[in-house]
N, C-alpha and C. Protein backbone atom coordinates (compact mmCIF):
# COMPACT_ATOMS: atom_id res chain seq x y z
N MET A 1 -35.58 49.20 44.66
CA MET A 1 -36.47 49.42 43.76
C MET A 1 -37.78 49.30 44.17
N ARG A 2 -38.96 50.49 43.62
CA ARG A 2 -40.29 49.83 44.23
C ARG A 2 -40.96 49.27 43.30
N GLU A 3 -41.89 49.01 43.67
CA GLU A 3 -43.20 48.41 42.62
C GLU A 3 -44.26 48.15 42.90
N ILE A 4 -45.33 48.41 42.46
CA ILE A 4 -46.85 47.93 42.69
C ILE A 4 -47.27 47.10 41.91
N ARG A 5 -47.46 45.45 42.42
CA ARG A 5 -48.05 44.82 41.67
C ARG A 5 -49.38 44.09 42.25
N ASP A 6 -50.02 43.46 41.15
CA ASP A 6 -51.58 42.66 41.44
C ASP A 6 -50.82 41.50 42.23
N LEU A 7 -51.85 41.43 43.68
CA LEU A 7 -51.76 39.97 44.60
C LEU A 7 -52.57 38.78 43.41
N ASP A 8 -51.99 38.61 42.24
CA ASP A 8 -52.30 37.51 41.51
C ASP A 8 -52.06 36.07 41.50
N THR A 9 -51.46 35.91 43.02
CA THR A 9 -51.12 34.41 42.92
C THR A 9 -51.19 34.30 44.43
N VAL A 10 -51.72 33.01 44.99
CA VAL A 10 -51.89 32.45 46.16
C VAL A 10 -50.86 33.13 47.00
N GLU A 11 -49.49 32.75 46.71
CA GLU A 11 -48.37 32.97 47.15
C GLU A 11 -48.21 34.72 48.13
N LEU A 12 -48.76 35.49 47.05
CA LEU A 12 -48.83 36.69 47.46
C LEU A 12 -50.00 37.25 48.04
N ILE A 13 -51.11 36.44 47.89
CA ILE A 13 -52.33 36.81 48.88
C ILE A 13 -51.76 36.50 50.19
N LEU A 14 -50.99 35.31 50.29
CA LEU A 14 -50.97 35.03 51.83
C LEU A 14 -49.80 35.94 52.48
N GLU A 15 -48.95 36.48 51.53
CA GLU A 15 -47.83 37.76 52.27
C GLU A 15 -48.44 38.92 52.39
N ALA A 16 -49.39 39.39 51.54
CA ALA A 16 -50.39 40.38 51.90
C ALA A 16 -51.04 40.10 53.18
N GLN A 17 -51.69 38.76 53.19
CA GLN A 17 -52.36 38.71 54.66
C GLN A 17 -51.56 38.90 55.88
N GLY A 18 -50.42 38.65 55.99
CA GLY A 18 -49.28 38.58 56.79
C GLY A 18 -48.93 40.01 56.93
N VAL A 19 -48.84 40.93 55.77
CA VAL A 19 -48.19 42.45 56.11
C VAL A 19 -49.48 42.72 56.53
N LEU A 20 -50.40 43.04 56.30
CA LEU A 20 -51.67 43.40 56.78
C LEU A 20 -52.03 43.09 58.65
N ASP A 21 -51.55 42.04 58.77
CA ASP A 21 -51.80 41.25 60.10
C ASP A 21 -50.74 42.12 60.85
N ALA A 22 -49.47 42.28 60.58
CA ALA A 22 -48.28 43.05 61.02
C ALA A 22 -48.75 44.34 61.49
N ILE A 23 -49.64 44.79 60.42
CA ILE A 23 -49.96 46.44 60.47
C ILE A 23 -51.04 46.68 61.52
N ARG A 24 -52.03 45.69 61.70
CA ARG A 24 -53.28 46.12 62.54
C ARG A 24 -53.02 45.21 63.64
N GLY A 25 -52.26 43.76 63.82
CA GLY A 25 -52.24 43.44 65.32
C GLY A 25 -53.55 42.19 65.18
N PRO A 26 -53.90 42.00 66.53
CA PRO A 26 -54.66 40.57 66.45
C PRO A 26 -55.80 40.61 65.59
N GLU A 27 -56.40 41.72 65.44
CA GLU A 27 -57.67 41.78 64.63
C GLU A 27 -57.38 41.77 63.31
N ARG A 28 -57.43 40.69 62.66
CA ARG A 28 -57.20 40.52 61.01
C ARG A 28 -58.24 41.34 60.05
N VAL A 29 -57.64 42.29 59.54
CA VAL A 29 -58.46 42.90 58.58
C VAL A 29 -59.02 42.34 57.80
N VAL A 30 -58.78 41.28 56.92
CA VAL A 30 -59.11 40.66 56.00
C VAL A 30 -58.10 39.19 55.89
N ASP A 31 -59.11 38.35 55.36
CA ASP A 31 -58.73 37.02 55.69
C ASP A 31 -57.83 36.73 54.19
N ALA A 32 -57.28 35.58 53.82
CA ALA A 32 -56.72 34.95 52.63
C ALA A 32 -57.66 34.73 51.82
N GLY A 33 -58.62 34.07 52.20
CA GLY A 33 -59.66 33.68 51.37
C GLY A 33 -60.21 34.85 50.60
N THR A 34 -60.66 35.77 51.27
CA THR A 34 -61.53 36.82 51.09
C THR A 34 -60.97 37.79 50.24
N LEU A 35 -59.58 38.16 50.54
CA LEU A 35 -58.74 38.41 49.49
C LEU A 35 -58.42 37.99 48.31
N ARG A 36 -58.50 36.81 48.40
CA ARG A 36 -58.22 35.83 46.91
C ARG A 36 -59.61 36.31 46.04
N ALA A 37 -60.82 35.92 46.77
CA ALA A 37 -62.15 36.26 46.09
C ALA A 37 -62.21 37.67 45.49
N LEU A 38 -61.86 38.80 45.94
CA LEU A 38 -62.02 40.12 46.10
C LEU A 38 -60.80 39.82 44.71
N GLN A 39 -59.76 39.45 44.64
CA GLN A 39 -58.93 39.82 43.41
C GLN A 39 -59.57 38.86 42.30
N GLN A 40 -59.95 37.80 42.06
CA GLN A 40 -60.23 36.91 41.41
C GLN A 40 -61.57 37.52 40.60
N SER A 41 -62.32 38.41 41.20
CA SER A 41 -63.70 39.29 40.79
C SER A 41 -63.40 40.23 40.10
N GLY A 42 -62.17 40.69 40.23
CA GLY A 42 -61.73 41.96 39.40
C GLY A 42 -61.68 43.07 40.16
N ASN A 43 -61.91 43.10 41.65
CA ASN A 43 -61.35 44.24 42.59
C ASN A 43 -59.99 44.42 42.43
N TYR A 44 -59.68 45.53 43.36
CA TYR A 44 -58.39 46.30 43.37
C TYR A 44 -57.65 45.59 44.41
N ALA A 45 -56.74 44.70 44.23
CA ALA A 45 -55.80 44.14 45.36
C ALA A 45 -54.27 44.18 44.76
N VAL A 46 -53.49 45.17 45.36
CA VAL A 46 -52.28 44.87 45.16
C VAL A 46 -51.13 45.01 46.26
N GLY A 47 -49.93 44.88 46.12
CA GLY A 47 -48.80 44.67 47.25
C GLY A 47 -47.87 46.06 46.73
N PHE A 48 -47.35 46.56 47.81
CA PHE A 48 -46.52 47.32 47.40
C PHE A 48 -45.00 46.74 47.73
N PHE A 49 -43.94 47.03 47.05
CA PHE A 49 -42.78 46.24 47.00
C PHE A 49 -41.59 47.14 47.26
N ASP A 50 -41.05 46.94 48.11
CA ASP A 50 -39.12 47.57 48.24
C ASP A 50 -38.15 46.70 48.20
N GLU A 51 -37.27 46.98 46.80
CA GLU A 51 -36.49 45.58 46.91
C GLU A 51 -36.59 44.49 46.95
N GLY A 52 -37.75 44.16 46.21
CA GLY A 52 -38.55 42.79 46.33
C GLY A 52 -39.33 42.37 47.40
N ARG A 53 -38.92 43.03 48.22
CA ARG A 53 -40.05 42.93 49.83
C ARG A 53 -41.57 43.22 50.05
N MET A 54 -42.51 42.80 50.09
CA MET A 54 -43.78 43.42 50.33
C MET A 54 -43.76 44.07 51.64
N VAL A 55 -44.16 45.18 51.57
CA VAL A 55 -43.72 46.07 52.68
C VAL A 55 -45.27 47.12 52.78
N GLY A 56 -46.46 46.82 51.93
CA GLY A 56 -47.67 47.45 52.06
C GLY A 56 -48.37 46.91 50.93
N ALA A 57 -49.77 47.28 51.10
CA ALA A 57 -50.71 46.66 50.55
C ALA A 57 -51.91 47.18 50.29
N SER A 58 -52.79 47.46 49.30
CA SER A 58 -54.08 48.19 49.41
C SER A 58 -55.36 47.06 48.96
N VAL A 59 -56.50 47.36 49.23
CA VAL A 59 -57.43 46.43 48.70
C VAL A 59 -58.74 47.50 48.73
N ALA A 60 -59.45 47.22 47.55
CA ALA A 60 -60.61 48.22 47.73
C ALA A 60 -61.48 47.09 46.75
N PHE A 61 -62.67 47.51 46.81
CA PHE A 61 -63.94 46.99 46.05
C PHE A 61 -64.68 47.71 45.58
N PHE A 62 -65.41 47.24 44.39
CA PHE A 62 -66.38 48.43 43.81
C PHE A 62 -67.88 48.38 44.72
N GLY A 63 -68.34 49.50 44.40
CA GLY A 63 -69.55 49.83 44.70
C GLY A 63 -70.93 49.67 43.88
N GLU A 64 -72.08 50.16 44.36
CA GLU A 64 -73.13 50.01 43.38
C GLU A 64 -72.46 50.94 42.04
N PRO A 65 -73.21 50.07 40.96
CA PRO A 65 -72.62 50.27 39.31
C PRO A 65 -73.52 51.69 39.35
N SER A 66 -74.37 52.23 39.83
CA SER A 66 -75.20 53.53 39.39
C SER A 66 -73.99 54.50 40.52
N THR A 67 -73.04 54.14 41.43
CA THR A 67 -72.34 55.37 41.91
C THR A 67 -70.81 55.72 41.38
N ARG A 68 -70.47 54.55 40.39
CA ARG A 68 -69.23 54.80 39.93
C ARG A 68 -68.40 54.86 41.20
N SER A 69 -68.29 54.19 41.88
CA SER A 69 -67.51 54.42 43.13
C SER A 69 -66.94 53.00 43.35
N MET A 70 -65.64 52.82 44.23
CA MET A 70 -65.13 52.00 45.02
C MET A 70 -64.88 52.38 46.42
N HIS A 71 -64.89 51.40 47.44
CA HIS A 71 -64.58 51.37 48.69
C HIS A 71 -63.06 50.91 48.99
N SER A 72 -62.51 51.71 49.52
CA SER A 72 -61.08 51.33 49.88
C SER A 72 -60.86 50.94 51.35
N HIS A 73 -60.94 49.51 51.13
CA HIS A 73 -60.95 48.84 52.83
C HIS A 73 -59.67 48.96 53.48
N ILE A 74 -58.67 49.09 52.99
CA ILE A 74 -57.48 49.18 53.57
C ILE A 74 -56.28 49.71 52.45
N THR A 75 -55.53 50.61 52.89
CA THR A 75 -54.23 50.88 52.36
C THR A 75 -53.25 51.42 53.27
N ALA A 76 -52.44 50.64 53.47
CA ALA A 76 -51.36 50.66 54.81
C ALA A 76 -49.80 49.91 54.24
N LEU A 77 -49.04 50.82 54.78
CA LEU A 77 -47.57 50.58 54.81
C LEU A 77 -46.98 50.03 56.10
N LEU A 78 -46.01 49.26 56.24
CA LEU A 78 -45.65 48.76 57.76
C LEU A 78 -44.83 49.92 58.28
N PRO A 79 -44.90 50.19 59.56
CA PRO A 79 -44.64 51.59 60.40
C PRO A 79 -43.21 52.06 59.74
N GLU A 80 -42.35 51.27 59.77
CA GLU A 80 -41.03 51.64 59.26
C GLU A 80 -40.80 52.44 57.87
N PHE A 81 -41.81 52.12 56.99
CA PHE A 81 -42.15 52.65 55.89
C PHE A 81 -42.55 54.06 55.40
N ARG A 82 -42.95 54.32 56.63
CA ARG A 82 -43.85 55.22 56.23
C ARG A 82 -43.21 56.65 56.41
N GLY A 83 -44.16 57.90 55.94
CA GLY A 83 -43.04 59.22 56.12
C GLY A 83 -42.14 59.43 54.76
N ARG A 84 -42.40 58.45 54.00
CA ARG A 84 -41.21 58.76 52.43
C ARG A 84 -42.31 58.86 51.47
N GLY A 85 -43.26 59.53 51.54
CA GLY A 85 -44.26 59.55 50.38
C GLY A 85 -44.80 58.36 49.66
N TRP A 86 -44.57 57.28 50.19
CA TRP A 86 -45.07 55.83 49.64
C TRP A 86 -46.46 55.79 49.58
N GLY A 87 -47.03 56.13 50.80
CA GLY A 87 -48.34 55.88 50.92
C GLY A 87 -49.05 56.73 50.01
N ARG A 88 -48.86 58.13 49.34
CA ARG A 88 -49.10 58.92 48.31
C ARG A 88 -49.01 57.92 46.97
N GLU A 89 -48.17 57.47 46.86
CA GLU A 89 -47.31 56.86 45.63
C GLU A 89 -48.62 55.65 45.33
N LEU A 90 -48.94 54.80 46.37
CA LEU A 90 -49.89 53.83 46.90
C LEU A 90 -51.20 54.03 46.32
N LYS A 91 -52.03 55.63 46.70
CA LYS A 91 -52.95 55.92 46.57
C LYS A 91 -53.31 56.48 45.13
N GLU A 92 -52.29 56.96 44.50
CA GLU A 92 -52.18 57.30 43.25
C GLU A 92 -52.50 56.19 42.51
N HIS A 93 -51.87 55.29 42.50
CA HIS A 93 -51.85 53.95 41.78
C HIS A 93 -53.39 53.56 41.87
N GLN A 94 -53.83 53.63 42.81
CA GLN A 94 -55.06 53.17 42.77
C GLN A 94 -56.19 54.24 42.30
N ARG A 95 -55.98 55.60 42.41
CA ARG A 95 -56.53 56.37 41.71
C ARG A 95 -56.61 56.36 40.15
N GLN A 96 -55.32 56.15 39.53
CA GLN A 96 -55.11 55.79 38.26
C GLN A 96 -55.76 54.30 37.58
N TRP A 97 -56.00 53.57 38.56
CA TRP A 97 -55.97 52.47 38.13
C TRP A 97 -58.20 52.15 38.39
N ALA A 98 -58.52 53.30 39.31
CA ALA A 98 -59.98 53.64 39.13
C ALA A 98 -60.50 54.22 38.09
N LEU A 99 -59.59 55.31 37.66
CA LEU A 99 -59.95 56.31 36.69
C LEU A 99 -60.34 55.51 35.31
N SER A 100 -59.21 54.53 34.98
CA SER A 100 -58.97 53.43 33.89
C SER A 100 -59.98 52.47 33.77
N ARG A 101 -60.94 52.19 34.83
CA ARG A 101 -62.18 51.42 34.60
C ARG A 101 -63.31 52.18 34.90
N GLY A 102 -63.17 53.51 34.93
CA GLY A 102 -64.72 54.21 34.67
C GLY A 102 -65.27 54.94 36.25
N VAL A 103 -64.16 54.64 37.25
CA VAL A 103 -64.67 55.06 38.69
C VAL A 103 -64.05 56.42 38.77
N GLY A 104 -65.25 57.04 39.32
CA GLY A 104 -65.12 58.76 39.59
C GLY A 104 -64.81 58.71 40.73
N ASN A 105 -65.03 57.87 41.95
CA ASN A 105 -64.80 57.97 43.26
C ASN A 105 -64.72 57.09 44.29
N VAL A 106 -63.69 57.30 44.92
CA VAL A 106 -63.16 56.23 46.04
C VAL A 106 -63.71 56.67 47.71
N THR A 107 -64.38 55.54 48.02
CA THR A 107 -64.66 56.02 49.42
C THR A 107 -63.78 55.18 50.56
N TRP A 108 -63.82 55.72 51.82
CA TRP A 108 -63.26 54.91 52.95
C TRP A 108 -63.78 55.55 54.14
N THR A 109 -63.27 54.98 55.32
CA THR A 109 -63.49 55.67 56.25
C THR A 109 -62.18 55.72 57.27
N PHE A 110 -61.99 56.30 58.60
CA PHE A 110 -60.82 56.53 59.14
C PHE A 110 -61.31 57.16 60.62
N ASP A 111 -60.27 56.97 61.69
CA ASP A 111 -60.30 57.03 62.74
C ASP A 111 -60.10 58.71 62.80
N PRO A 112 -60.94 59.81 63.33
CA PRO A 112 -60.63 60.81 63.45
C PRO A 112 -59.60 61.38 64.21
N LEU A 113 -59.40 60.73 65.49
CA LEU A 113 -58.18 61.20 66.22
C LEU A 113 -57.01 60.93 65.67
N VAL A 114 -57.02 60.53 64.45
CA VAL A 114 -55.30 59.82 64.38
C VAL A 114 -55.01 61.09 63.07
N ALA A 115 -54.29 62.25 63.62
CA ALA A 115 -53.73 63.36 63.30
C ALA A 115 -53.09 62.98 61.79
N ARG A 116 -52.12 62.04 62.01
CA ARG A 116 -51.31 61.70 60.37
C ARG A 116 -52.29 61.18 59.52
N ASN A 117 -53.13 60.74 59.80
CA ASN A 117 -54.17 60.17 58.74
C ASN A 117 -55.16 61.44 58.14
N ALA A 118 -55.61 62.06 59.11
CA ALA A 118 -56.46 63.34 58.94
C ALA A 118 -55.90 63.96 57.72
N HIS A 119 -54.60 64.40 58.18
CA HIS A 119 -53.51 65.37 57.39
C HIS A 119 -53.12 64.58 55.88
N PHE A 120 -53.03 63.31 55.91
CA PHE A 120 -52.71 62.80 54.65
C PHE A 120 -54.08 62.79 53.57
N PHE A 121 -55.03 62.43 54.23
CA PHE A 121 -56.38 62.17 53.45
C PHE A 121 -56.93 63.43 53.22
N LEU A 122 -57.38 64.43 53.95
CA LEU A 122 -57.80 65.52 53.91
C LEU A 122 -56.85 66.62 52.93
N THR A 123 -55.64 66.92 53.40
CA THR A 123 -54.76 67.85 53.19
C THR A 123 -54.11 67.17 51.73
N VAL A 124 -53.34 66.25 51.76
CA VAL A 124 -52.52 65.81 50.70
C VAL A 124 -53.45 64.96 49.70
N LEU A 125 -54.29 64.22 49.80
CA LEU A 125 -55.22 63.58 48.99
C LEU A 125 -56.07 64.61 48.43
N GLY A 126 -56.72 65.42 49.13
CA GLY A 126 -57.94 66.29 49.19
C GLY A 126 -59.01 65.43 48.81
N ALA A 127 -59.28 64.49 49.80
CA ALA A 127 -60.86 63.87 49.83
C ALA A 127 -61.63 64.79 50.81
N ARG A 128 -63.00 64.65 50.74
CA ARG A 128 -63.71 65.27 51.18
C ARG A 128 -64.53 64.61 52.18
N VAL A 129 -64.78 65.12 53.75
CA VAL A 129 -65.31 64.28 54.83
C VAL A 129 -67.00 64.50 54.25
N THR A 130 -67.65 63.13 54.38
CA THR A 130 -69.04 63.13 53.98
C THR A 130 -70.44 62.69 55.35
N GLY A 131 -69.33 62.57 56.52
CA GLY A 131 -70.07 62.14 57.72
C GLY A 131 -69.60 61.60 58.67
N TYR A 132 -70.17 61.35 59.92
CA TYR A 132 -69.27 60.78 61.16
C TYR A 132 -70.27 59.89 61.64
N ALA A 133 -69.38 58.64 62.19
CA ALA A 133 -69.90 57.63 62.10
C ALA A 133 -70.00 57.38 63.92
N VAL A 134 -70.57 57.04 64.78
CA VAL A 134 -70.11 56.69 66.16
C VAL A 134 -70.08 55.03 66.32
N ASN A 135 -68.81 54.60 66.98
CA ASN A 135 -68.60 53.46 67.33
C ASN A 135 -69.30 52.57 66.07
N GLN A 136 -68.56 52.98 64.54
CA GLN A 136 -68.69 52.12 63.39
C GLN A 136 -68.75 50.64 63.46
N TYR A 137 -67.73 50.10 64.19
CA TYR A 137 -67.26 48.81 63.80
C TYR A 137 -67.32 48.00 65.31
N GLY A 138 -67.89 48.73 66.22
CA GLY A 138 -68.07 48.35 67.27
C GLY A 138 -66.67 48.53 68.11
N ILE A 139 -66.25 47.33 69.35
CA ILE A 139 -65.19 48.09 70.16
C ILE A 139 -64.58 46.71 69.60
N PHE A 140 -63.20 46.79 69.46
CA PHE A 140 -62.34 45.85 68.95
C PHE A 140 -60.71 46.34 69.18
N GLY A 141 -59.65 45.28 69.02
CA GLY A 141 -58.65 45.92 69.50
C GLY A 141 -58.01 46.83 68.20
N GLY A 142 -57.21 46.21 67.35
CA GLY A 142 -56.34 46.75 66.24
C GLY A 142 -55.93 48.17 66.25
N GLY A 143 -56.30 49.25 65.54
CA GLY A 143 -56.08 50.60 65.56
C GLY A 143 -56.79 51.30 66.79
N ASP A 144 -57.61 50.79 67.04
CA ASP A 144 -58.49 51.45 68.42
C ASP A 144 -58.05 51.16 69.49
N ALA A 145 -57.31 49.88 69.64
CA ALA A 145 -56.87 49.72 70.81
C ALA A 145 -58.09 49.42 72.00
N GLY A 146 -59.07 48.92 71.55
CA GLY A 146 -60.07 48.14 72.36
C GLY A 146 -61.19 49.61 72.72
N ASP A 147 -61.11 50.76 72.11
CA ASP A 147 -61.79 51.58 72.41
C ASP A 147 -63.15 51.73 71.33
N GLU A 148 -63.87 52.43 71.39
CA GLU A 148 -65.07 52.52 70.71
C GLU A 148 -64.46 53.07 69.13
N SER A 149 -65.09 52.69 68.30
CA SER A 149 -64.61 52.84 66.63
C SER A 149 -65.03 54.06 66.25
N ASP A 150 -65.21 55.24 66.50
CA ASP A 150 -65.93 56.20 65.69
C ASP A 150 -64.84 56.33 64.29
N ARG A 151 -65.51 56.93 63.31
CA ARG A 151 -65.00 56.93 61.88
C ARG A 151 -65.68 58.23 61.33
N LEU A 152 -64.73 58.86 60.71
CA LEU A 152 -65.33 59.74 59.90
C LEU A 152 -65.40 59.07 58.17
N ASP A 153 -66.52 59.66 57.36
CA ASP A 153 -66.61 59.21 56.27
C ASP A 153 -66.01 59.95 55.18
N VAL A 154 -65.49 59.44 53.93
CA VAL A 154 -64.81 60.45 53.24
C VAL A 154 -64.82 59.82 51.67
N LYS A 155 -65.25 60.92 51.12
CA LYS A 155 -65.04 60.21 49.41
C LYS A 155 -63.76 61.20 48.52
N TRP A 156 -63.23 60.31 47.84
CA TRP A 156 -62.23 61.08 47.08
C TRP A 156 -62.68 61.24 45.44
N ALA A 157 -63.30 62.11 45.48
CA ALA A 157 -63.64 62.45 43.86
C ALA A 157 -62.40 62.42 43.17
N LEU A 158 -62.12 61.63 42.15
CA LEU A 158 -61.02 61.51 41.72
C LEU A 158 -60.41 62.58 40.62
N ALA A 159 -61.68 63.24 39.86
CA ALA A 159 -61.27 64.47 39.17
C ALA A 159 -61.77 65.67 39.55
N ASP A 160 -62.07 65.84 40.81
CA ASP A 160 -62.38 67.05 41.62
C ASP A 160 -61.81 67.00 42.85
N ILE A 161 -60.37 67.12 43.16
CA ILE A 161 -59.66 67.06 44.39
C ILE A 161 -60.05 68.16 44.95
N ALA A 162 -60.26 68.16 46.50
CA ALA A 162 -60.81 69.17 47.50
C ALA A 162 -59.37 70.25 47.69
N LYS A 163 -59.72 71.15 47.42
CA LYS A 163 -58.60 72.51 48.23
C LYS A 163 -59.03 72.81 49.63
N PRO A 164 -57.89 73.15 50.38
CA PRO A 164 -58.29 73.51 51.61
C PRO A 164 -58.88 74.87 51.63
N PRO A 165 -59.74 75.08 52.70
CA PRO A 165 -60.67 76.18 52.71
C PRO A 165 -59.90 77.35 53.11
N ALA A 166 -60.43 78.43 52.59
CA ALA A 166 -59.73 79.88 52.44
C ALA A 166 -59.73 80.16 54.15
N ALA A 167 -58.74 81.36 54.46
CA ALA A 167 -58.86 81.30 56.12
C ALA A 167 -59.93 82.28 56.25
N GLY A 168 -60.55 83.01 55.31
CA GLY A 168 -62.20 83.71 55.63
C GLY A 168 -63.21 82.74 55.70
N GLU A 169 -63.17 81.64 55.34
CA GLU A 169 -64.13 80.74 55.12
C GLU A 169 -64.16 80.01 56.69
N ILE A 170 -63.36 79.74 57.44
CA ILE A 170 -62.98 79.17 58.52
C ILE A 170 -63.85 79.19 59.59
N ALA A 171 -65.18 78.65 60.13
CA ALA A 171 -66.18 79.09 61.05
C ALA A 171 -65.72 78.49 62.51
N ALA A 172 -65.01 77.87 62.64
CA ALA A 172 -64.57 77.09 63.89
C ALA A 172 -63.39 76.22 63.59
N THR A 173 -62.78 75.38 64.52
CA THR A 173 -61.71 74.37 64.44
C THR A 173 -61.86 73.64 65.50
N LEU A 174 -61.21 72.27 65.47
CA LEU A 174 -61.14 71.58 66.92
C LEU A 174 -60.27 70.66 66.64
N GLU A 175 -59.66 70.68 67.87
CA GLU A 175 -58.11 70.00 68.00
C GLU A 175 -58.08 68.65 68.13
N ILE A 176 -56.93 67.70 68.04
CA ILE A 176 -57.38 66.44 68.34
C ILE A 176 -55.70 66.25 68.58
N PRO A 177 -55.52 65.03 69.49
CA PRO A 177 -53.85 64.81 69.83
C PRO A 177 -52.94 64.87 68.63
N ARG A 178 -51.53 65.01 68.89
CA ARG A 178 -50.95 64.92 67.96
C ARG A 178 -50.46 63.53 67.59
N ASP A 179 -50.54 62.65 68.68
CA ASP A 179 -50.07 61.37 68.18
C ASP A 179 -51.08 60.16 69.51
N VAL A 180 -52.53 60.13 69.21
CA VAL A 180 -53.28 59.36 69.90
C VAL A 180 -52.78 57.97 69.68
N GLU A 181 -52.10 57.34 68.97
CA GLU A 181 -51.50 56.10 68.77
C GLU A 181 -50.68 55.85 69.90
N GLN A 182 -49.88 56.58 70.20
CA GLN A 182 -48.81 56.37 71.35
C GLN A 182 -49.37 56.83 72.27
N MET A 183 -50.38 57.66 72.85
CA MET A 183 -51.51 57.61 73.82
C MET A 183 -52.25 56.63 74.48
N ARG A 184 -52.64 55.92 73.21
CA ARG A 184 -53.43 54.61 73.60
C ARG A 184 -52.59 53.56 74.61
N ALA A 185 -51.47 54.11 74.28
CA ALA A 185 -50.12 52.72 74.78
C ALA A 185 -49.76 52.94 75.85
N ASP A 186 -49.78 54.43 76.07
CA ASP A 186 -49.20 54.95 77.43
C ASP A 186 -50.37 55.39 78.38
N ALA A 187 -51.14 56.32 77.99
CA ALA A 187 -52.67 56.53 78.52
C ALA A 187 -54.04 55.97 78.18
N PRO A 188 -54.69 55.25 78.04
CA PRO A 188 -55.54 54.74 77.39
C PRO A 188 -56.65 55.37 77.82
N ASP A 189 -57.04 55.47 79.37
CA ASP A 189 -58.04 56.42 79.66
C ASP A 189 -58.09 57.78 79.28
N GLU A 190 -56.78 58.32 78.85
CA GLU A 190 -56.77 59.98 78.68
C GLU A 190 -57.43 59.81 76.97
N ALA A 191 -56.76 58.67 76.24
CA ALA A 191 -57.13 58.73 74.83
C ALA A 191 -58.66 58.50 74.83
N HIS A 192 -58.96 57.63 75.90
CA HIS A 192 -60.71 57.32 75.54
C HIS A 192 -61.51 58.62 75.76
N GLU A 193 -61.00 59.81 76.59
CA GLU A 193 -61.47 60.47 76.81
C GLU A 193 -61.58 61.88 75.79
N TRP A 194 -60.66 61.60 74.96
CA TRP A 194 -60.35 62.46 73.67
C TRP A 194 -61.68 61.94 72.72
N ARG A 195 -61.48 60.59 72.92
CA ARG A 195 -62.92 60.12 71.86
C ARG A 195 -63.87 60.59 72.33
N MET A 196 -64.47 60.88 73.64
CA MET A 196 -65.86 61.33 74.19
C MET A 196 -65.69 62.67 73.62
N THR A 197 -64.61 63.60 73.86
CA THR A 197 -64.85 64.59 73.77
C THR A 197 -64.77 65.24 72.28
N LEU A 198 -64.31 64.63 71.39
CA LEU A 198 -64.06 64.73 69.99
C LEU A 198 -65.65 64.61 69.30
N ARG A 199 -66.47 63.32 69.99
CA ARG A 199 -67.73 62.78 69.69
C ARG A 199 -68.70 64.28 69.74
N ARG A 200 -68.37 64.52 71.24
CA ARG A 200 -69.36 65.48 71.72
C ARG A 200 -68.90 66.87 70.65
N GLU A 201 -68.01 67.46 70.49
CA GLU A 201 -67.61 68.51 69.85
C GLU A 201 -68.35 68.26 68.32
N MET A 202 -67.69 67.53 67.88
CA MET A 202 -68.54 67.21 66.25
C MET A 202 -69.86 67.28 66.33
N ALA A 203 -70.74 67.10 67.27
CA ALA A 203 -72.27 66.91 66.88
C ALA A 203 -72.76 68.27 67.39
N VAL A 204 -71.90 69.12 68.38
CA VAL A 204 -72.51 70.41 68.52
C VAL A 204 -72.01 71.35 67.12
N LEU A 205 -70.66 71.22 66.44
CA LEU A 205 -70.30 72.11 65.63
C LEU A 205 -71.28 71.73 64.36
N THR A 206 -71.82 70.41 64.12
CA THR A 206 -72.63 69.78 62.95
C THR A 206 -73.94 70.30 63.19
N ASN A 207 -74.39 70.27 64.49
CA ASN A 207 -75.79 71.21 64.60
C ASN A 207 -76.09 72.30 64.70
N ARG A 208 -74.69 73.09 64.44
CA ARG A 208 -74.48 74.70 63.96
C ARG A 208 -74.57 74.90 62.67
N GLY A 209 -74.83 73.67 61.97
CA GLY A 209 -74.67 73.92 60.62
C GLY A 209 -73.22 73.95 59.98
N LEU A 210 -72.13 73.58 60.27
CA LEU A 210 -70.97 73.43 59.84
C LEU A 210 -70.65 72.16 59.92
N ALA A 211 -69.80 72.16 59.04
CA ALA A 211 -69.24 71.00 58.01
C ALA A 211 -67.29 71.12 58.05
N ILE A 212 -66.95 69.95 58.02
CA ILE A 212 -65.27 69.45 57.89
C ILE A 212 -64.90 70.07 56.39
N ALA A 213 -63.95 70.72 56.40
CA ALA A 213 -63.71 71.15 55.13
C ALA A 213 -62.01 71.02 54.97
N GLY A 214 -61.33 70.62 55.90
CA GLY A 214 -59.78 70.47 55.65
C GLY A 214 -59.37 70.11 57.49
N PHE A 215 -58.20 70.07 57.30
CA PHE A 215 -57.39 69.68 58.43
C PHE A 215 -56.14 70.72 58.45
N ASP A 216 -55.51 71.20 59.84
CA ASP A 216 -54.59 71.82 59.92
C ASP A 216 -53.44 71.09 60.93
N ALA A 217 -52.08 70.83 60.88
CA ALA A 217 -51.60 70.25 61.75
C ALA A 217 -51.44 70.82 63.44
N GLU A 218 -51.65 72.24 63.10
CA GLU A 218 -51.67 73.02 64.57
C GLU A 218 -53.14 73.09 65.19
N ARG A 219 -54.10 73.35 64.31
CA ARG A 219 -55.52 73.94 64.91
C ARG A 219 -56.57 72.79 64.65
N GLY A 220 -56.05 71.07 63.87
CA GLY A 220 -57.04 70.21 64.02
C GLY A 220 -57.91 70.43 62.75
N TYR A 221 -59.22 70.13 62.87
CA TYR A 221 -60.40 70.06 61.79
C TYR A 221 -60.60 71.58 61.51
N LEU A 222 -60.75 71.99 60.25
CA LEU A 222 -61.52 72.84 59.87
C LEU A 222 -62.73 73.07 59.35
N PHE A 223 -63.78 73.95 60.18
CA PHE A 223 -65.02 73.71 59.79
C PHE A 223 -65.45 75.12 58.84
N VAL A 224 -66.22 75.04 58.07
CA VAL A 224 -67.14 75.70 57.55
C VAL A 224 -68.27 75.80 57.34
N GLN A 225 -69.43 77.04 57.20
CA GLN A 225 -70.74 76.70 57.14
C GLN A 225 -71.14 75.89 56.00
N SER A 226 -71.99 75.04 56.14
CA SER A 226 -72.07 74.08 55.03
C SER A 226 -73.27 74.65 54.06
């Protein structure tokens, strides 16, 4: 039996910290004290449970009041529980929680080289890319495995889900590796070269007045005239 529960006890907070540490490795995403403070001040902090075991967690905090937005700091499942549709279930819970509190938009960032996330966020959830940041968090371990941390900024308009662009609208595509995470383990220099190539090509395409409007597993990012 699956359930999503608020992290409303110290024990659950510590369990969530352990789950997030297991997902992200040596670079801690959020410590237990900060997680407890976010939860107690009314922000979104939940655990995803399967048969009583916490296998994922999601943390988001409110943005400026005038924006009616939240920023999703992390939403993740342990690797062995991915690919079952549970990530979508967790994000839908976040969406409904936000809508019930008058929030219209959820924002977050993600590594543009990770194809599974690009597909999930842009194609499955219907979020929109709003910007590209070079080395946003500096160089650290975690998901970037010591490489520079370029990120795409996205906004999920909760009542206006984005649809993929029509074929006739697509002006350019930009390919990325199918599994850069494995590449970082097996061939980190090659993964870094992909980072630099993607950074250059993103600049070229945006300077042409193009913007990301979707993602395709075969072709990569889909650009339209902005």
